[in-house]
C-alpha atoms as a PDB file:
ATOM      1  CA  UNK A   1       2.840  25.338  -7.072  1.00  0.00           C
ATOM      2  CA  UNK A   2      -0.590  23.710  -7.007  1.00  0.00           C
ATOM      3  CA  UNK A   3      -1.985  22.485  -3.719  1.00  0.00           C
ATOM      4  CA  UNK A   4      -3.176  18.912  -4.077  1.00  0.00           C
ATOM      5  CA  UNK A   5      -5.387  16.656  -1.849  1.00  0.00           C
ATOM      6  CA  UNK A   6      -2.919  14.790   0.463  1.00  0.00           C
ATOM      7  CA  UNK A   7      -3.081  11.004  -0.184  1.00  0.00           C
ATOM      8  CA  UNK A   8      -0.720   8.592   1.541  1.00  0.00           C
ATOM      9  CA  UNK A   9       2.464   8.198  -0.495  1.00  0.00           C
ATOM     10  CA  UNK A  10       1.497  10.940  -3.042  1.00  0.00           C
ATOM     11  CA  UNK A  11       3.204  14.294  -3.194  1.00  0.00           C
ATOM     12  CA  UNK A  12       1.185  17.101  -1.590  1.00  0.00           C
ATOM     13  CA  UNK A  13       2.359  19.710  -4.052  1.00  0.00           C
ATOM     14  CA  UNK A  14       3.708  19.490  -7.553  1.00  0.00           C
ATOM     15  CA  UNK A  15       4.136  21.408 -10.765  1.00  0.00           C
ATOM     16  CA  UNK A  16       1.314  23.470 -12.043  1.00  0.00           C
ATOM     17  CA  UNK A  17      -1.205  21.833 -14.340  1.00  0.00           C
ATOM     18  CA  UNK A  18      -0.450  21.836 -18.009  1.00  0.00           C
ATOM     19  CA  UNK A  19      -2.205  24.637 -19.852  1.00  0.00           C
ATOM     20  CA  UNK A  20      -3.882  23.621 -22.015  1.00  0.00           C
ATOM     21  CA  UNK A  21      -4.360  20.177 -20.612  1.00  0.00           C
ATOM     22  CA  UNK A  22      -2.490  17.386 -22.424  1.00  0.00           C
ATOM     23  CA  UNK A  23      -4.699  15.551 -24.881  1.00  0.00           C
ATOM     24  CA  UNK A  24      -2.748  13.446 -27.248  1.00  0.00           C
ATOM     25  CA  UNK A  25      -2.725  10.066 -28.793  1.00  0.00           C
ATOM     26  CA  UNK A  26       0.207   7.933 -27.924  1.00  0.00           C
ATOM     27  CA  UNK A  27       1.333   4.719 -29.521  1.00  0.00           C
ATOM     28  CA  UNK A  28       1.777   1.522 -27.459  1.00  0.00           C
ATOM     29  CA  UNK A  29       5.264   0.172 -28.104  1.00  0.00           C
ATOM     30  CA  UNK A  30       7.176  -3.012 -27.258  1.00  0.00           C
ATOM     31  CA  UNK A  31       9.564  -2.363 -24.399  1.00  0.00           C
ATOM     32  CA  UNK A  32      11.586  -5.524 -23.757  1.00  0.00           C
ATOM     33  CA  UNK A  33       8.974  -8.267 -23.107  1.00  0.00           C
ATOM     34  CA  UNK A  34       6.333  -5.750 -22.225  1.00  0.00           C
ATOM     35  CA  UNK A  35       4.323  -2.987 -23.775  1.00  0.00           C
ATOM     36  CA  UNK A  36       4.565   0.661 -22.817  1.00  0.00           C
ATOM     37  CA  UNK A  37       3.626   4.214 -23.615  1.00  0.00           C
ATOM     38  CA  UNK A  38       6.256   6.951 -23.870  1.00  0.00           C
ATOM     39  CA  UNK A  39       5.075  10.031 -21.936  1.00  0.00           C
ATOM     40  CA  UNK A  40       5.839  13.462 -23.400  1.00  0.00           C
ATOM     41  CA  UNK A  41       8.231  15.762 -21.588  1.00  0.00           C
ATOM     42  CA  UNK A  42       5.546  18.349 -20.622  1.00  0.00           C
ATOM     43  CA  UNK A  43       3.357  15.613 -18.965  1.00  0.00           C
ATOM     44  CA  UNK A  44       6.401  14.366 -17.025  1.00  0.00           C
ATOM     45  CA  UNK A  45       7.080  17.938 -15.899  1.00  0.00           C
ATOM     46  CA  UNK A  46       3.418  18.384 -14.749  1.00  0.00           C
ATOM     47  CA  UNK A  47       3.657  15.089 -12.846  1.00  0.00           C
ATOM     48  CA  UNK A  48       6.941  16.277 -11.231  1.00  0.00           C
ATOM     49  CA  UNK A  49       8.722  13.049 -12.173  1.00  0.00           C
ATOM     50  CA  UNK A  50      11.877  12.105 -13.884  1.00  0.00           C
ATOM     51  CA  UNK A  51      13.658   8.863 -14.962  1.00  0.00           C
ATOM     52  CA  UNK A  52      13.725   6.303 -12.172  1.00  0.00           C
ATOM     53  CA  UNK A  53      10.868   7.816 -10.232  1.00  0.00           C
ATOM     54  CA  UNK A  54       7.748   5.756  -9.285  1.00  0.00           C
ATOM     55  CA  UNK A  55       4.222   6.549 -10.342  1.00  0.00           C
ATOM     56  CA  UNK A  56       0.979   5.089  -9.151  1.00  0.00           C
ATOM     57  CA  UNK A  57      -1.456   4.126 -11.827  1.00  0.00           C
ATOM     58  CA  UNK A  58      -5.106   3.861 -10.704  1.00  0.00           C
ATOM     59  CA  UNK A  59      -8.289   3.005 -12.622  1.00  0.00           C
ATOM     60  CA  UNK A  60     -11.161   5.278 -11.328  1.00  0.00           C
ATOM     61  CA  UNK A  61     -14.697   4.133 -10.844  1.00  0.00           C
ATOM     62  CA  UNK A  62     -15.659   5.714 -14.198  1.00  0.00           C
ATOM     63  CA  UNK A  63     -12.960   3.632 -15.921  1.00  0.00           C
ATOM     64  CA  UNK A  64     -10.383   6.404 -16.445  1.00  0.00           C
ATOM     65  CA  UNK A  65      -6.733   5.803 -15.771  1.00  0.00           C
ATOM     66  CA  UNK A  66      -4.848   8.320 -13.465  1.00  0.00           C
ATOM     67  CA  UNK A  67      -1.160   8.705 -12.922  1.00  0.00           C
ATOM     68  CA  UNK A  68       0.119  10.183  -9.656  1.00  0.00           C
ATOM     69  CA  UNK A  69       3.780  10.787  -8.622  1.00  0.00           C
ATOM     70  CA  UNK A  70       4.783   8.783  -5.560  1.00  0.00           C
ATOM     71  CA  UNK A  71       6.468  10.714  -2.733  1.00  0.00           C
ATOM     72  CA  UNK A  72      10.200   9.768  -3.018  1.00  0.00           C
ATOM     73  CA  UNK A  73      10.738  10.070   0.793  1.00  0.00           C
ATOM     74  CA  UNK A  74       7.766   7.747   1.583  1.00  0.00           C
ATOM     75  CA  UNK A  75       9.048   5.318  -1.107  1.00  0.00           C
ATOM     76  CA  UNK A  76      12.469   5.288   0.455  1.00  0.00           C
ATOM     77  CA  UNK A  77      11.081   4.859   3.991  1.00  0.00           C
ATOM     78  CA  UNK A  78       8.942   1.881   2.811  1.00  0.00           C
ATOM     79  CA  UNK A  79      12.052   0.198   1.190  1.00  0.00           C
ATOM     80  CA  UNK A  80      13.965   0.695   4.466  1.00  0.00           C
ATOM     81  CA  UNK A  81      11.084  -0.714   6.533  1.00  0.00           C
ATOM     82  CA  UNK A  82      10.863  -3.818   4.228  1.00  0.00           C
ATOM     83  CA  UNK A  83      14.609  -4.333   4.662  1.00  0.00           C
ATOM     84  CA  UNK A  84      14.445  -4.103   8.425  1.00  0.00           C
ATOM     85  CA  UNK A  85      11.481  -6.491   8.596  1.00  0.00           C
ATOM     86  CA  UNK A  86      13.346  -9.005   6.399  1.00  0.00           C
ATOM     87  CA  UNK A  87      16.488  -8.838   8.520  1.00  0.00           C
ATOM     88  CA  UNK A  88      14.496  -9.287  11.722  1.00  0.00           C
ATOM     89  CA  UNK A  89      11.846 -11.738  10.594  1.00  0.00           C
ATOM     90  CA  UNK A  90      12.429 -14.223  13.415  1.00  0.00           C
ATOM     91  CA  UNK A  91      12.199 -11.528  16.138  1.00  0.00           C
ATOM     92  CA  UNK A  92       9.061 -10.114  14.655  1.00  0.00           C
ATOM     93  CA  UNK A  93       7.461 -13.543  14.553  1.00  0.00           C
ATOM     94  CA  UNK A  94       8.318 -14.158  18.182  1.00  0.00           C
ATOM     95  CA  UNK A  95       6.904 -10.737  19.190  1.00  0.00           C
ATOM     96  CA  UNK A  96       3.692 -11.427  17.311  1.00  0.00           C
ATOM     97  CA  UNK A  97       2.876 -14.576  19.428  1.00  0.00           C
END
């Protein structure tokens, strides 16, 4: 496993980097009413993601696009927190006064 810089909501460790690094051209395709790119299996394995997982897409200052796997546990906790806040909206508003 490779140790990675710990960012909020991003896995601390993951699969080893692809050797050699992935460098491929991928075609943009129509997916429903949107456009998408199909990621090769080795890239998905390097990210440590599978179907249904969430990835963050970030544009860096130099204009590059980076993908990072979102921590499933943090994602689930955030969903749970949003549910609780929605169910208790009136109580939270009263407490905020």
